[in-house]
């Protein structure tokens, strides 16, 4: 799943939970407070997500050079 798809699923879950809670609250002032808290939480969560999505894609690192095997010197010792 792409980053955008993940973000959409997370926001749908949060919106659904907030709507369920607001629908089941009985007092109007409590509903207003719940709506304001839900909107504040979504805006706060949106800031880092927008920052991630706004970053330009990083180019892939250059391929690493293959290691070359160098035989060890014997320093005068024969096998």
Protein backbone atom coordinates (compact mmCIF):
# COMPACT_ATOMS: atom_id res chain seq x y z
CA UNK A 1 0.00 0.00 0.00
CA UNK A 2 1.34 3.41 -0.89
CA UNK A 3 1.94 6.20 1.60
CA UNK A 4 -1.08 8.09 0.32
CA UNK A 5 -3.29 5.00 0.71
CA UNK A 6 -2.06 4.48 4.26
CA UNK A 7 -2.78 8.11 5.12
CA UNK A 8 -6.28 7.84 3.66
CA UNK A 9 -7.05 4.70 5.68
CA UNK A 10 -5.78 6.29 8.91
CA UNK A 11 -7.86 9.42 8.38
CA UNK A 12 -10.97 7.36 7.60
CA UNK A 13 -10.49 5.44 10.85
CA UNK A 14 -10.08 8.65 12.86
CA UNK A 15 -13.05 10.31 11.13
CA UNK A 16 -15.18 7.22 11.76
CA UNK A 17 -14.26 7.08 15.44
CA UNK A 18 -14.93 10.80 15.88
CA UNK A 19 -18.28 10.59 14.07
CA UNK A 20 -19.34 7.59 16.15
CA UNK A 21 -18.41 9.35 19.41
CA UNK A 22 -20.13 12.61 18.42
CA UNK A 23 -23.28 10.79 17.28
CA UNK A 24 -23.57 9.00 20.63
CA UNK A 25 -22.96 12.07 22.81
CA UNK A 26 -26.16 13.51 24.31
CA UNK A 27 -25.22 17.03 25.39
CA UNK A 28 -24.61 19.71 22.75
CA UNK A 29 -21.64 21.42 24.51
CA UNK A 30 -19.90 18.06 24.81
CA UNK A 31 -20.50 17.41 21.10
CA UNK A 32 -19.00 20.78 20.20
CA UNK A 33 -15.95 20.07 22.37
CA UNK A 34 -15.54 16.63 20.79
CA UNK A 35 -15.72 18.11 17.29
CA UNK A 36 -13.11 20.74 18.13
CA UNK A 37 -10.80 18.14 19.71
CA UNK A 38 -11.18 15.81 16.73
CA UNK A 39 -10.41 18.60 14.26
CA UNK A 40 -7.41 19.68 16.31
CA UNK A 41 -6.09 16.11 16.43
CA UNK A 42 -6.50 15.69 12.68
CA UNK A 43 -4.75 18.96 11.86
CA UNK A 44 -1.93 18.11 14.26
CA UNK A 45 -1.53 14.68 12.66
CA UNK A 46 -1.69 16.17 9.18
CA UNK A 47 1.39 18.39 9.57
CA UNK A 48 4.06 15.62 9.59
CA UNK A 49 2.23 13.68 6.87
CA UNK A 50 2.21 16.71 4.57
CA UNK A 51 5.89 17.26 5.34
CA UNK A 52 6.67 13.67 4.31
CA UNK A 53 4.61 13.91 1.14
CA UNK A 54 6.10 17.30 0.18
CA UNK A 55 9.71 16.10 0.35
CA UNK A 56 11.29 15.49 -3.05
CA UNK A 57 12.13 11.82 -3.65
CA UNK A 58 15.68 10.89 -2.76
CA UNK A 59 17.81 9.53 -5.63
CA UNK A 60 18.99 5.95 -5.08
CA UNK A 61 22.54 5.66 -3.73
CA UNK A 62 25.22 4.75 -6.28
CA UNK A 63 26.03 1.05 -6.44
CA UNK A 64 28.88 -0.02 -4.18
CA UNK A 65 32.11 -1.12 -5.80
CA UNK A 66 32.77 -4.85 -5.69
CA UNK A 67 35.45 -5.93 -3.23
CA UNK A 68 38.59 -7.29 -4.82
CA UNK A 69 40.30 -10.24 -3.13
CA UNK A 70 43.97 -9.56 -2.53
CA UNK A 71 46.02 -12.62 -1.53
CA UNK A 72 47.88 -12.26 1.75
CA UNK A 73 51.65 -12.07 1.73
CA UNK A 74 53.52 -14.93 3.38
CA UNK A 75 56.43 -12.89 4.79
CA UNK A 76 58.92 -15.60 4.05
CA UNK A 77 56.91 -18.53 5.36
CA UNK A 78 56.23 -21.36 2.97
CA UNK A 79 53.14 -23.51 3.26
